[in-house]
């Protein structure tokens, strides 16, 4: 019990999040499959500081942009499930997209009005 309380005390310092307040909103029917497709390509090896971006044009004319950046340590591979978890957090929690970081990766997901 004490260990859990100690871990929870440090959790806010390990995760930062921000929702965007302007711009396009997600299409809730299209966004989940876009996350799945993006993470198939983003689930690869990353060097510290390396950023990868996946842009997906949607049938409604929006361009969904998913960005993943390695923050800590040296080279690491992100799994598809870990990528989906981070990106789905941005889609579900932020109507206009957002970004969040933990000690390993920064996740950013944003719907845009312009075509890719």
PDB file of N, CA and C in Angstrom:
ATOM      1  N   UNK A   1       0.815  -1.195   0.000  1.00  0.00           N
ATOM      2  CA  UNK A   1       0.000   0.000   0.000  1.00  0.00           C
ATOM      3  C   UNK A   1       0.861   1.263   0.000  1.00  0.00           C
ATOM      4  N   UNK A   2       1.913   1.259   0.808  1.00  0.00           N
ATOM      5  CA  UNK A   2       2.785   2.419   0.857  1.00  0.00           C
ATOM      6  C   UNK A   2       3.496   2.629  -0.473  1.00  0.00           C
ATOM      7  N   UNK A   3       3.879   1.526  -1.131  1.00  0.00           N
ATOM      8  CA  UNK A   3       4.546   1.635  -2.425  1.00  0.00           C
ATOM      9  C   UNK A   3       3.606   2.251  -3.455  1.00  0.00           C
ATOM     10  N   UNK A   4       2.360   1.842  -3.467  1.00  0.00           N
ATOM     11  CA  UNK A   4       1.385   2.392  -4.413  1.00  0.00           C
ATOM     12  C   UNK A   4       1.200   3.894  -4.177  1.00  0.00           C
ATOM     13  N   UNK A   5       1.102   4.305  -2.944  1.00  0.00           N
ATOM     14  CA  UNK A   5       0.944   5.721  -2.624  1.00  0.00           C
ATOM     15  C   UNK A   5       2.174   6.509  -3.068  1.00  0.00           C
ATOM     16  N   UNK A   6       3.336   5.941  -2.881  1.00  0.00           N
ATOM     17  CA  UNK A   6       4.568   6.596  -3.295  1.00  0.00           C
ATOM     18  C   UNK A   6       4.620   6.749  -4.821  1.00  0.00           C
ATOM     19  N   UNK A   7       4.246   5.698  -5.544  1.00  0.00           N
ATOM     20  CA  UNK A   7       4.235   5.770  -7.006  1.00  0.00           C
ATOM     21  C   UNK A   7       3.232   6.798  -7.511  1.00  0.00           C
ATOM     22  N   UNK A   8       2.059   6.855  -6.899  1.00  0.00           N
ATOM     23  CA  UNK A   8       1.041   7.819  -7.308  1.00  0.00           C
ATOM     24  C   UNK A   8       1.493   9.255  -7.049  1.00  0.00           C
ATOM     25  N   UNK A   9       2.288   9.446  -6.026  1.00  0.00           N
ATOM     26  CA  UNK A   9       2.786  10.785  -5.718  1.00  0.00           C
ATOM     27  C   UNK A   9       3.704  11.304  -6.830  1.00  0.00           C
ATOM     28  N   UNK A  10       4.442  10.400  -7.484  1.00  0.00           N
ATOM     29  CA  UNK A  10       5.367  10.807  -8.540  1.00  0.00           C
ATOM     30  C   UNK A  10       4.744  10.785  -9.924  1.00  0.00           C
ATOM     31  N   UNK A  11       3.599  10.154 -10.102  1.00  0.00           N
ATOM     32  CA  UNK A  11       2.977  10.022 -11.407  1.00  0.00           C
ATOM     33  C   UNK A  11       2.741  11.349 -12.114  1.00  0.00           C
ATOM     34  N   UNK A  12       2.208  12.389 -11.465  1.00  0.00           N
ATOM     35  CA  UNK A  12       2.010  13.655 -12.177  1.00  0.00           C
ATOM     36  C   UNK A  12       3.294  14.230 -12.762  1.00  0.00           C
ATOM     37  N   UNK A  13       4.417  13.975 -12.144  1.00  0.00           N
ATOM     38  CA  UNK A  13       5.683  14.483 -12.660  1.00  0.00           C
ATOM     39  C   UNK A  13       6.140  13.697 -13.880  1.00  0.00           C
ATOM     40  N   UNK A  14       5.645  12.466 -14.045  1.00  0.00           N
ATOM     41  CA  UNK A  14       6.077  11.628 -15.147  1.00  0.00           C
ATOM     42  C   UNK A  14       5.242  11.816 -16.408  1.00  0.00           C
ATOM     43  N   UNK A  15       4.026  12.301 -16.281  1.00  0.00           N
ATOM     44  CA  UNK A  15       3.152  12.479 -17.431  1.00  0.00           C
ATOM     45  C   UNK A  15       2.686  13.930 -17.497  1.00  0.00           C
ATOM     46  N   UNK A  16       2.879  14.548 -18.651  1.00  0.00           N
ATOM     47  CA  UNK A  16       2.346  15.889 -18.875  1.00  0.00           C
ATOM     48  C   UNK A  16       1.400  15.810 -20.062  1.00  0.00           C
ATOM     49  N   UNK A  17       0.338  16.582 -20.041  1.00  0.00           N
ATOM     50  CA  UNK A  17      -0.640  16.531 -21.118  1.00  0.00           C
ATOM     51  C   UNK A  17      -1.195  17.923 -21.395  1.00  0.00           C
ATOM     52  N   UNK A  18      -1.589  18.117 -22.664  1.00  0.00           N
ATOM     53  CA  UNK A  18      -2.159  19.401 -23.063  1.00  0.00           C
ATOM     54  C   UNK A  18      -3.135  19.149 -24.205  1.00  0.00           C
ATOM     55  N   UNK A  19      -4.340  19.670 -24.073  1.00  0.00           N
ATOM     56  CA  UNK A  19      -5.320  19.615 -25.158  1.00  0.00           C
ATOM     57  C   UNK A  19      -5.273  20.920 -25.939  1.00  0.00           C
ATOM     58  N   UNK A  20      -5.424  20.825 -27.251  1.00  0.00           N
ATOM     59  CA  UNK A  20      -5.481  22.012 -28.083  1.00  0.00           C
ATOM     60  C   UNK A  20      -6.871  22.624 -27.967  1.00  0.00           C
ATOM     61  N   UNK A  21      -6.948  23.944 -27.962  1.00  0.00           N
ATOM     62  CA  UNK A  21      -8.229  24.632 -27.750  1.00  0.00           C
ATOM     63  C   UNK A  21      -8.811  25.226 -29.025  1.00  0.00           C
ATOM     64  N   UNK A  22      -8.057  25.205 -30.110  1.00  0.00           N
ATOM     65  CA  UNK A  22      -8.563  25.722 -31.380  1.00  0.00           C
ATOM     66  C   UNK A  22      -8.324  24.685 -32.466  1.00  0.00           C
ATOM     67  N   UNK A  23      -8.950  24.896 -33.604  1.00  0.00           N
ATOM     68  CA  UNK A  23      -8.736  24.003 -34.729  1.00  0.00           C
ATOM     69  C   UNK A  23      -9.895  23.057 -34.952  1.00  0.00           C
ATOM     70  N   UNK A  24      -9.677  22.094 -35.802  1.00  0.00           N
ATOM     71  CA  UNK A  24     -10.687  21.105 -36.174  1.00  0.00           C
ATOM     72  C   UNK A  24     -10.959  20.120 -35.046  1.00  0.00           C
ATOM     73  N   UNK A  25     -12.114  19.497 -35.106  1.00  0.00           N
ATOM     74  CA  UNK A  25     -12.479  18.439 -34.153  1.00  0.00           C
ATOM     75  C   UNK A  25     -12.368  17.082 -34.835  1.00  0.00           C
ATOM     76  N   UNK A  26     -12.156  16.055 -34.019  1.00  0.00           N
ATOM     77  CA  UNK A  26     -12.091  14.689 -34.526  1.00  0.00           C
ATOM     78  C   UNK A  26     -13.454  14.239 -35.049  1.00  0.00           C
ATOM     79  N   UNK A  27     -13.454  13.455 -36.088  1.00  0.00           N
ATOM     80  CA  UNK A  27     -14.624  12.705 -36.493  1.00  0.00           C
ATOM     81  C   UNK A  27     -14.546  11.403 -35.705  1.00  0.00           C
ATOM     82  N   UNK A  28     -15.455  11.203 -34.775  1.00  0.00           N
ATOM     83  CA  UNK A  28     -15.382  10.070 -33.844  1.00  0.00           C
ATOM     84  C   UNK A  28     -15.521   8.707 -34.528  1.00  0.00           C
ATOM     85  N   UNK A  29     -16.095   8.665 -35.741  1.00  0.00           N
ATOM     86  CA  UNK A  29     -16.170   7.393 -36.459  1.00  0.00           C
ATOM     87  C   UNK A  29     -14.848   7.072 -37.170  1.00  0.00           C
ATOM     88  N   UNK A  30     -14.136   8.088 -37.633  1.00  0.00           N
ATOM     89  CA  UNK A  30     -12.912   7.876 -38.411  1.00  0.00           C
ATOM     90  C   UNK A  30     -11.651   7.789 -37.554  1.00  0.00           C
ATOM     91  N   UNK A  31     -11.636   8.474 -36.434  1.00  0.00           N
ATOM     92  CA  UNK A  31     -10.406   8.599 -35.640  1.00  0.00           C
ATOM     93  C   UNK A  31      -9.842   7.264 -35.140  1.00  0.00           C
ATOM     94  N   UNK A  32     -10.658   6.338 -34.601  1.00  0.00           N
ATOM     95  CA  UNK A  32     -10.058   5.091 -34.085  1.00  0.00           C
ATOM     96  C   UNK A  32      -9.303   4.278 -35.139  1.00  0.00           C
ATOM     97  N   UNK A  33      -9.847   4.158 -36.335  1.00  0.00           N
ATOM     98  CA  UNK A  33      -9.137   3.392 -37.366  1.00  0.00           C
ATOM     99  C   UNK A  33      -7.902   4.150 -37.853  1.00  0.00           C
ATOM    100  N   UNK A  34      -7.936   5.477 -37.803  1.00  0.00           N
ATOM    101  CA  UNK A  34      -6.755   6.267 -38.176  1.00  0.00           C
ATOM    102  C   UNK A  34      -5.620   6.028 -37.180  1.00  0.00           C
ATOM    103  N   UNK A  35      -5.942   5.957 -35.889  1.00  0.00           N
ATOM    104  CA  UNK A  35      -4.926   5.650 -34.877  1.00  0.00           C
ATOM    105  C   UNK A  35      -4.310   4.286 -35.158  1.00  0.00           C
ATOM    106  N   UNK A  36      -5.150   3.297 -35.458  1.00  0.00           N
ATOM    107  CA  UNK A  36      -4.644   1.949 -35.746  1.00  0.00           C
ATOM    108  C   UNK A  36      -3.684   1.970 -36.932  1.00  0.00           C
ATOM    109  N   UNK A  37      -4.056   2.646 -38.018  1.00  0.00           N
ATOM    110  CA  UNK A  37      -3.210   2.702 -39.209  1.00  0.00           C
ATOM    111  C   UNK A  37      -1.907   3.455 -38.938  1.00  0.00           C
ATOM    112  N   UNK A  38      -1.993   4.567 -38.215  1.00  0.00           N
ATOM    113  CA  UNK A  38      -0.787   5.348 -37.916  1.00  0.00           C
ATOM    114  C   UNK A  38       0.190   4.534 -37.082  1.00  0.00           C
ATOM    115  N   UNK A  39      -0.319   3.849 -36.079  1.00  0.00           N
ATOM    116  CA  UNK A  39       0.572   3.120 -35.166  1.00  0.00           C
ATOM    117  C   UNK A  39       1.210   1.896 -35.818  1.00  0.00           C
ATOM    118  N   UNK A  40       0.613   1.374 -36.874  1.00  0.00           N
ATOM    119  CA  UNK A  40       1.275   0.294 -37.616  1.00  0.00           C
ATOM    120  C   UNK A  40       2.603   0.797 -38.184  1.00  0.00           C
ATOM    121  N   UNK A  41       2.633   2.056 -38.623  1.00  0.00           N
ATOM    122  CA  UNK A  41       3.851   2.630 -39.194  1.00  0.00           C
ATOM    123  C   UNK A  41       4.773   3.253 -38.142  1.00  0.00           C
ATOM    124  N   UNK A  42       4.210   3.728 -37.050  1.00  0.00           N
ATOM    125  CA  UNK A  42       5.016   4.419 -36.027  1.00  0.00           C
ATOM    126  C   UNK A  42       5.658   3.457 -35.020  1.00  0.00           C
ATOM    127  N   UNK A  43       5.231   2.211 -34.994  1.00  0.00           N
ATOM    128  CA  UNK A  43       5.771   1.223 -34.046  1.00  0.00           C
ATOM    129  C   UNK A  43       7.089   0.666 -34.587  1.00  0.00           C
ATOM    130  N   UNK A  44       8.162   1.440 -34.384  1.00  0.00           N
ATOM    131  CA  UNK A  44       9.502   1.093 -34.881  1.00  0.00           C
ATOM    132  C   UNK A  44      10.531   1.522 -33.835  1.00  0.00           C
ATOM    133  N   UNK A  45      11.801   1.366 -34.171  1.00  0.00           N
ATOM    134  CA  UNK A  45      12.882   1.817 -33.290  1.00  0.00           C
ATOM    135  C   UNK A  45      13.038   3.330 -33.376  1.00  0.00           C
ATOM    136  N   UNK A  46      13.371   3.942 -32.238  1.00  0.00           N
ATOM    137  CA  UNK A  46      13.610   5.391 -32.149  1.00  0.00           C
ATOM    138  C   UNK A  46      14.913   5.637 -31.407  1.00  0.00           C
ATOM    139  N   UNK A  47      15.678   6.607 -31.898  1.00  0.00           N
ATOM    140  CA  UNK A  47      16.832   7.102 -31.145  1.00  0.00           C
ATOM    141  C   UNK A  47      16.350   8.254 -30.260  1.00  0.00           C
ATOM    142  N   UNK A  48      17.088   8.567 -29.209  1.00  0.00           N
ATOM    143  CA  UNK A  48      16.706   9.674 -28.338  1.00  0.00           C
ATOM    144  C   UNK A  48      16.557  10.953 -29.164  1.00  0.00           C
ATOM    145  N   UNK A  49      15.419  11.627 -28.989  1.00  0.00           N
ATOM    146  CA  UNK A  49      15.142  12.869 -29.697  1.00  0.00           C
ATOM    147  C   UNK A  49      14.546  12.688 -31.083  1.00  0.00           C
ATOM    148  N   UNK A  50      14.522  11.474 -31.588  1.00  0.00           N
ATOM    149  CA  UNK A  50      13.993  11.238 -32.936  1.00  0.00           C
ATOM    150  C   UNK A  50      12.469  11.365 -32.953  1.00  0.00           C
ATOM    151  N   UNK A  51      11.958  12.017 -33.993  1.00  0.00           N
ATOM    152  CA  UNK A  51      10.523  12.225 -34.175  1.00  0.00           C
ATOM    153  C   UNK A  51      10.090  11.600 -35.488  1.00  0.00           C
ATOM    154  N   UNK A  52       8.956  10.927 -35.455  1.00  0.00           N
ATOM    155  CA  UNK A  52       8.350  10.384 -36.668  1.00  0.00           C
ATOM    156  C   UNK A  52       6.921  10.907 -36.752  1.00  0.00           C
ATOM    157  N   UNK A  53       6.471  11.204 -37.971  1.00  0.00           N
ATOM    158  CA  UNK A  53       5.147  11.768 -38.202  1.00  0.00           C
ATOM    159  C   UNK A  53       4.425  10.913 -39.233  1.00  0.00           C
ATOM    160  N   UNK A  54       3.157  10.645 -38.979  1.00  0.00           N
ATOM    161  CA  UNK A  54       2.301   9.949 -39.938  1.00  0.00           C
ATOM    162  C   UNK A  54       1.080  10.819 -40.198  1.00  0.00           C
ATOM    163  N   UNK A  55       0.860  11.162 -41.483  1.00  0.00           N
ATOM    164  CA  UNK A  55      -0.305  11.957 -41.880  1.00  0.00           C
ATOM    165  C   UNK A  55      -1.249  11.050 -42.656  1.00  0.00           C
ATOM    166  N   UNK A  56      -2.530  11.112 -42.301  1.00  0.00           N
ATOM    167  CA  UNK A  56      -3.530  10.275 -42.949  1.00  0.00           C
ATOM    168  C   UNK A  56      -4.704  11.120 -43.418  1.00  0.00           C
ATOM    169  N   UNK A  57      -4.919  11.147 -44.718  1.00  0.00           N
ATOM    170  CA  UNK A  57      -6.064  11.868 -45.271  1.00  0.00           C
ATOM    171  C   UNK A  57      -7.327  11.050 -45.025  1.00  0.00           C
ATOM    172  N   UNK A  58      -8.365  11.734 -44.564  1.00  0.00           N
ATOM    173  CA  UNK A  58      -9.627  11.064 -44.248  1.00  0.00           C
ATOM    174  C   UNK A  58     -10.654  11.318 -45.341  1.00  0.00           C
ATOM    175  N   UNK A  59     -11.670  10.469 -45.397  1.00  0.00           N
ATOM    176  CA  UNK A  59     -12.707  10.596 -46.428  1.00  0.00           C
ATOM    177  C   UNK A  59     -13.517  11.871 -46.293  1.00  0.00           C
ATOM    178  N   UNK A  60     -13.486  12.510 -45.116  1.00  0.00           N
ATOM    179  CA  UNK A  60     -14.205  13.770 -44.923  1.00  0.00           C
ATOM    180  C   UNK A  60     -13.343  14.989 -45.289  1.00  0.00           C
ATOM    181  N   UNK A  61     -12.143  14.759 -45.829  1.00  0.00           N
ATOM    182  CA  UNK A  61     -11.273  15.845 -46.252  1.00  0.00           C
ATOM    183  C   UNK A  61     -10.277  16.304 -45.201  1.00  0.00           C
ATOM    184  N   UNK A  62     -10.417  15.862 -43.965  1.00  0.00           N
ATOM    185  CA  UNK A  62      -9.460  16.230 -42.920  1.00  0.00           C
ATOM    186  C   UNK A  62      -8.168  15.441 -43.084  1.00  0.00           C
ATOM    187  N   UNK A  63      -7.108  16.001 -42.527  1.00  0.00           N
ATOM    188  CA  UNK A  63      -5.823  15.315 -42.454  1.00  0.00           C
ATOM    189  C   UNK A  63      -5.522  15.088 -40.975  1.00  0.00           C
ATOM    190  N   UNK A  64      -5.394  13.842 -40.584  1.00  0.00           N
ATOM    191  CA  UNK A  64      -5.045  13.524 -39.198  1.00  0.00           C
ATOM    192  C   UNK A  64      -3.532  13.366 -39.113  1.00  0.00           C
ATOM    193  N   UNK A  65      -2.919  14.101 -38.195  1.00  0.00           N
ATOM    194  CA  UNK A  65      -1.468  14.084 -38.036  1.00  0.00           C
ATOM    195  C   UNK A  65      -1.130  13.461 -36.686  1.00  0.00           C
ATOM    196  N   UNK A  66      -0.312  12.405 -36.739  1.00  0.00           N
ATOM    197  CA  UNK A  66       0.136  11.701 -35.536  1.00  0.00           C
ATOM    198  C   UNK A  66       1.646  11.818 -35.464  1.00  0.00           C
ATOM    199  N   UNK A  67       2.132  12.278 -34.319  1.00  0.00           N
ATOM    200  CA  UNK A  67       3.568  12.506 -34.135  1.00  0.00           C
ATOM    201  C   UNK A  67       4.028  11.771 -32.884  1.00  0.00           C
ATOM    202  N   UNK A  68       5.173  11.114 -33.003  1.00  0.00           N
ATOM    203  CA  UNK A  68       5.735  10.364 -31.883  1.00  0.00           C
ATOM    204  C   UNK A  68       7.210  10.721 -31.767  1.00  0.00           C
ATOM    205  N   UNK A  69       7.653  11.059 -30.554  1.00  0.00           N
ATOM    206  CA  UNK A  69       9.051  11.438 -30.335  1.00  0.00           C
ATOM    207  C   UNK A  69       9.617  10.671 -29.150  1.00  0.00           C
ATOM    208  N   UNK A  70      10.820  10.144 -29.318  1.00  0.00           N
ATOM    209  CA  UNK A  70      11.548   9.464 -28.239  1.00  0.00           C
ATOM    210  C   UNK A  70      12.114  10.530 -27.312  1.00  0.00           C
ATOM    211  N   UNK A  71      11.823  10.425 -26.022  1.00  0.00           N
ATOM    212  CA  UNK A  71      12.264  11.430 -25.063  1.00  0.00           C
ATOM    213  C   UNK A  71      13.424  10.951 -24.216  1.00  0.00           C
ATOM    214  N   UNK A  72      13.326   9.799 -23.613  1.00  0.00           N
ATOM    215  CA  UNK A  72      14.348   9.388 -22.655  1.00  0.00           C
ATOM    216  C   UNK A  72      15.239   8.286 -23.176  1.00  0.00           C
ATOM    217  N   UNK A  73      16.313   8.061 -22.467  1.00  0.00           N
ATOM    218  CA  UNK A  73      17.197   6.950 -22.769  1.00  0.00           C
ATOM    219  C   UNK A  73      17.789   6.983 -24.157  1.00  0.00           C
ATOM    220  N   UNK A  74      18.288   5.843 -24.566  1.00  0.00           N
ATOM    221  CA  UNK A  74      18.878   5.734 -25.893  1.00  0.00           C
ATOM    222  C   UNK A  74      17.861   5.117 -26.842  1.00  0.00           C
ATOM    223  N   UNK A  75      18.306   4.263 -27.700  1.00  0.00           N
ATOM    224  CA  UNK A  75      17.438   3.638 -28.691  1.00  0.00           C
ATOM    225  C   UNK A  75      16.390   2.758 -28.012  1.00  0.00           C
ATOM    226  N   UNK A  76      15.152   2.841 -28.514  1.00  0.00           N
ATOM    227  CA  UNK A  76      14.077   2.009 -27.969  1.00  0.00           C
ATOM    228  C   UNK A  76      13.035   1.775 -29.051  1.00  0.00           C
ATOM    229  N   UNK A  77      12.326   0.686 -28.921  1.00  0.00           N
ATOM    230  CA  UNK A  77      11.223   0.363 -29.833  1.00  0.00           C
ATOM    231  C   UNK A  77       9.918   0.551 -29.080  1.00  0.00           C
ATOM    232  N   UNK A  78       8.980   1.219 -29.723  1.00  0.00           N
ATOM    233  CA  UNK A  78       7.647   1.341 -29.152  1.00  0.00           C
ATOM    234  C   UNK A  78       6.770   0.275 -29.808  1.00  0.00           C
ATOM    235  N   UNK A  79       5.945  -0.375 -29.010  1.00  0.00           N
ATOM    236  CA  UNK A  79       5.049  -1.384 -29.565  1.00  0.00           C
ATOM    237  C   UNK A  79       3.831  -0.709 -30.176  1.00  0.00           C
ATOM    238  N   UNK A  80       3.164  -1.431 -31.031  1.00  0.00           N
ATOM    239  CA  UNK A  80       1.947  -0.911 -31.648  1.00  0.00           C
ATOM    240  C   UNK A  80       0.894  -0.618 -30.581  1.00  0.00           C
ATOM    241  N   UNK A  81       0.761  -1.509 -29.594  1.00  0.00           N
ATOM    242  CA  UNK A  81      -0.225  -1.296 -28.526  1.00  0.00           C
ATOM    243  C   UNK A  81       0.101  -0.073 -27.678  1.00  0.00           C
ATOM    244  N   UNK A  82       1.390   0.141 -27.386  1.00  0.00           N
ATOM    245  CA  UNK A  82       1.790   1.317 -26.605  1.00  0.00           C
ATOM    246  C   UNK A  82       1.502   2.597 -27.386  1.00  0.00           C
ATOM    247  N   UNK A  83       1.789   2.577 -28.678  1.00  0.00           N
ATOM    248  CA  UNK A  83       1.495   3.723 -29.544  1.00  0.00           C
ATOM    249  C   UNK A  83      -0.004   4.003 -29.552  1.00  0.00           C
ATOM    250  N   UNK A  84      -0.804   2.967 -29.755  1.00  0.00           N
ATOM    251  CA  UNK A  84      -2.264   3.131 -29.783  1.00  0.00           C
ATOM    252  C   UNK A  84      -2.781   3.701 -28.465  1.00  0.00           C
ATOM    253  N   UNK A  85      -2.239   3.224 -27.350  1.00  0.00           N
ATOM    254  CA  UNK A  85      -2.661   3.730 -26.046  1.00  0.00           C
ATOM    255  C   UNK A  85      -2.421   5.220 -25.913  1.00  0.00           C
ATOM    256  N   UNK A  86      -1.234   5.671 -26.312  1.00  0.00           N
ATOM    257  CA  UNK A  86      -0.906   7.094 -26.218  1.00  0.00           C
ATOM    258  C   UNK A  86      -1.713   7.949 -27.180  1.00  0.00           C
ATOM    259  N   UNK A  87      -1.848   7.485 -28.402  1.00  0.00           N
ATOM    260  CA  UNK A  87      -2.595   8.272 -29.401  1.00  0.00           C
ATOM    261  C   UNK A  87      -4.098   8.278 -29.096  1.00  0.00           C
ATOM    262  N   UNK A  88      -4.636   7.148 -28.668  1.00  0.00           N
ATOM    263  CA  UNK A  88      -6.063   7.109 -28.312  1.00  0.00           C
ATOM    264  C   UNK A  88      -6.371   8.012 -27.121  1.00  0.00           C
ATOM    265  N   UNK A  89      -5.403   8.182 -26.244  1.00  0.00           N
ATOM    266  CA  UNK A  89      -5.564   9.107 -25.114  1.00  0.00           C
ATOM    267  C   UNK A  89      -5.778  10.527 -25.633  1.00  0.00           C
ATOM    268  N   UNK A  90      -5.048  10.906 -26.672  1.00  0.00           N
ATOM    269  CA  UNK A  90      -5.189  12.247 -27.248  1.00  0.00           C
ATOM    270  C   UNK A  90      -6.522  12.403 -27.977  1.00  0.00           C
ATOM    271  N   UNK A  91      -6.929  11.379 -28.706  1.00  0.00           N
ATOM    272  CA  UNK A  91      -8.183  11.438 -29.457  1.00  0.00           C
ATOM    273  C   UNK A  91      -9.377  11.452 -28.508  1.00  0.00           C
ATOM    274  N   UNK A  92      -9.389  10.541 -27.545  1.00  0.00           N
ATOM    275  CA  UNK A  92     -10.534  10.428 -26.629  1.00  0.00           C
ATOM    276  C   UNK A  92     -10.604  11.582 -25.639  1.00  0.00           C
ATOM    277  N   UNK A  93      -9.467  12.074 -25.200  1.00  0.00           N
ATOM    278  CA  UNK A  93      -9.445  13.086 -24.160  1.00  0.00           C
ATOM    279  C   UNK A  93      -9.428  14.522 -24.645  1.00  0.00           C
ATOM    280  N   UNK A  94      -9.143  14.714 -25.922  1.00  0.00           N
ATOM    281  CA  UNK A  94      -8.991  16.073 -26.442  1.00  0.00           C
ATOM    282  C   UNK A  94      -9.772  16.220 -27.754  1.00  0.00           C
ATOM    283  N   UNK A  95     -10.923  16.869 -27.727  1.00  0.00           N
ATOM    284  CA  UNK A  95     -11.768  16.979 -28.916  1.00  0.00           C
ATOM    285  C   UNK A  95     -11.082  17.603 -30.138  1.00  0.00           C
ATOM    286  N   UNK A  96     -10.072  18.449 -29.916  1.00  0.00           N
ATOM    287  CA  UNK A  96      -9.364  19.095 -31.023  1.00  0.00           C
ATOM    288  C   UNK A  96      -7.913  18.615 -31.126  1.00  0.00           C
ATOM    289  N   UNK A  97      -7.631  17.497 -30.510  1.00  0.00           N
ATOM    290  CA  UNK A  97      -6.276  16.966 -30.509  1.00  0.00           C
ATOM    291  C   UNK A  97      -5.496  17.452 -29.302  1.00  0.00           C
ATOM    292  N   UNK A  98      -4.319  16.880 -29.121  1.00  0.00           N
ATOM    293  CA  UNK A  98      -3.504  17.264 -27.987  1.00  0.00           C
ATOM    294  C   UNK A  98      -2.174  16.549 -27.994  1.00  0.00           C
ATOM    295  N   UNK A  99      -1.421  16.772 -26.944  1.00  0.00           N
ATOM    296  CA  UNK A  99      -0.129  16.103 -26.804  1.00  0.00           C
ATOM    297  C   UNK A  99       0.072  15.718 -25.347  1.00  0.00           C
ATOM    298  N   UNK A 100       0.804  14.644 -25.159  1.00  0.00           N
ATOM    299  CA  UNK A 100       1.161  14.209 -23.808  1.00  0.00           C
ATOM    300  C   UNK A 100       2.530  13.555 -23.867  1.00  0.00           C
ATOM    301  N   UNK A 101       3.203  13.565 -22.745  1.00  0.00           N
ATOM    302  CA  UNK A 101       4.540  12.986 -22.654  1.00  0.00           C
ATOM    303  C   UNK A 101       4.650  12.163 -21.396  1.00  0.00           C
ATOM    304  N   UNK A 102       5.401  11.077 -21.504  1.00  0.00           N
ATOM    305  CA  UNK A 102       5.832  10.358 -20.318  1.00  0.00           C
ATOM    306  C   UNK A 102       7.356  10.348 -20.355  1.00  0.00           C
ATOM    307  N   UNK A 103       7.990   9.547 -19.559  1.00  0.00           N
ATOM    308  CA  UNK A 103       9.453   9.588 -19.525  1.00  0.00           C
ATOM    309  C   UNK A 103      10.089   9.017 -20.793  1.00  0.00           C
ATOM    310  N   UNK A 104       9.323   8.268 -21.590  1.00  0.00           N
ATOM    311  CA  UNK A 104       9.889   7.635 -22.778  1.00  0.00           C
ATOM    312  C   UNK A 104       9.501   8.290 -24.098  1.00  0.00           C
ATOM    313  N   UNK A 105       8.236   8.685 -24.239  1.00  0.00           N
ATOM    314  CA  UNK A 105       7.752   9.182 -25.526  1.00  0.00           C
ATOM    315  C   UNK A 105       6.833  10.377 -25.367  1.00  0.00           C
ATOM    316  N   UNK A 106       6.785  11.207 -26.428  1.00  0.00           N
ATOM    317  CA  UNK A 106       5.815  12.286 -26.549  1.00  0.00           C
ATOM    318  C   UNK A 106       4.851  11.879 -27.651  1.00  0.00           C
ATOM    319  N   UNK A 107       3.552  11.948 -27.364  1.00  0.00           N
ATOM    320  CA  UNK A 107       2.494  11.611 -28.309  1.00  0.00           C
ATOM    321  C   UNK A 107       1.769  12.896 -28.689  1.00  0.00           C
ATOM    322  N   UNK A 108       1.526  13.082 -29.981  1.00  0.00           N
ATOM    323  CA  UNK A 108       0.771  14.245 -30.433  1.00  0.00           C
ATOM    324  C   UNK A 108      -0.170  13.783 -31.534  1.00  0.00           C
ATOM    325  N   UNK A 109      -1.433  14.167 -31.422  1.00  0.00           N
ATOM    326  CA  UNK A 109      -2.433  13.804 -32.428  1.00  0.00           C
ATOM    327  C   UNK A 109      -3.310  15.027 -32.677  1.00  0.00           C
ATOM    328  N   UNK A 110      -3.520  15.333 -33.974  1.00  0.00           N
ATOM    329  CA  UNK A 110      -4.263  16.549 -34.292  1.00  0.00           C
ATOM    330  C   UNK A 110      -5.011  16.399 -35.614  1.00  0.00           C
ATOM    331  N   UNK A 111      -6.314  16.725 -35.611  1.00  0.00           N
ATOM    332  CA  UNK A 111      -7.048  16.774 -36.871  1.00  0.00           C
ATOM    333  C   UNK A 111      -6.860  18.144 -37.520  1.00  0.00           C
ATOM    334  N   UNK A 112      -6.663  18.164 -38.828  1.00  0.00           N
ATOM    335  CA  UNK A 112      -6.487  19.425 -39.550  1.00  0.00           C
ATOM    336  C   UNK A 112      -7.505  19.532 -40.679  1.00  0.00           C
ATOM    337  N   UNK A 113      -7.874  20.755 -40.986  1.00  0.00           N
ATOM    338  CA  UNK A 113      -8.859  21.020 -42.014  1.00  0.00           C
ATOM    339  C   UNK A 113      -8.301  20.793 -43.423  1.00  0.00           C
ATOM    340  N   UNK A 114      -7.038  21.131 -43.633  1.00  0.00           N
ATOM    341  CA  UNK A 114      -6.425  21.034 -44.948  1.00  0.00           C
ATOM    342  C   UNK A 114      -6.145  19.570 -45.300  1.00  0.00           C
ATOM    343  N   UNK A 115      -6.182  19.252 -46.599  1.00  0.00           N
ATOM    344  CA  UNK A 115      -5.777  17.913 -47.034  1.00  0.00           C
ATOM    345  C   UNK A 115      -4.291  17.683 -46.726  1.00  0.00           C
ATOM    346  N   UNK A 116      -3.915  16.447 -46.606  1.00  0.00           N
ATOM    347  CA  UNK A 116      -2.511  16.104 -46.350  1.00  0.00           C
ATOM    348  C   UNK A 116      -1.685  16.434 -47.577  1.00  0.00           C
TER     349      UNK A 116
END
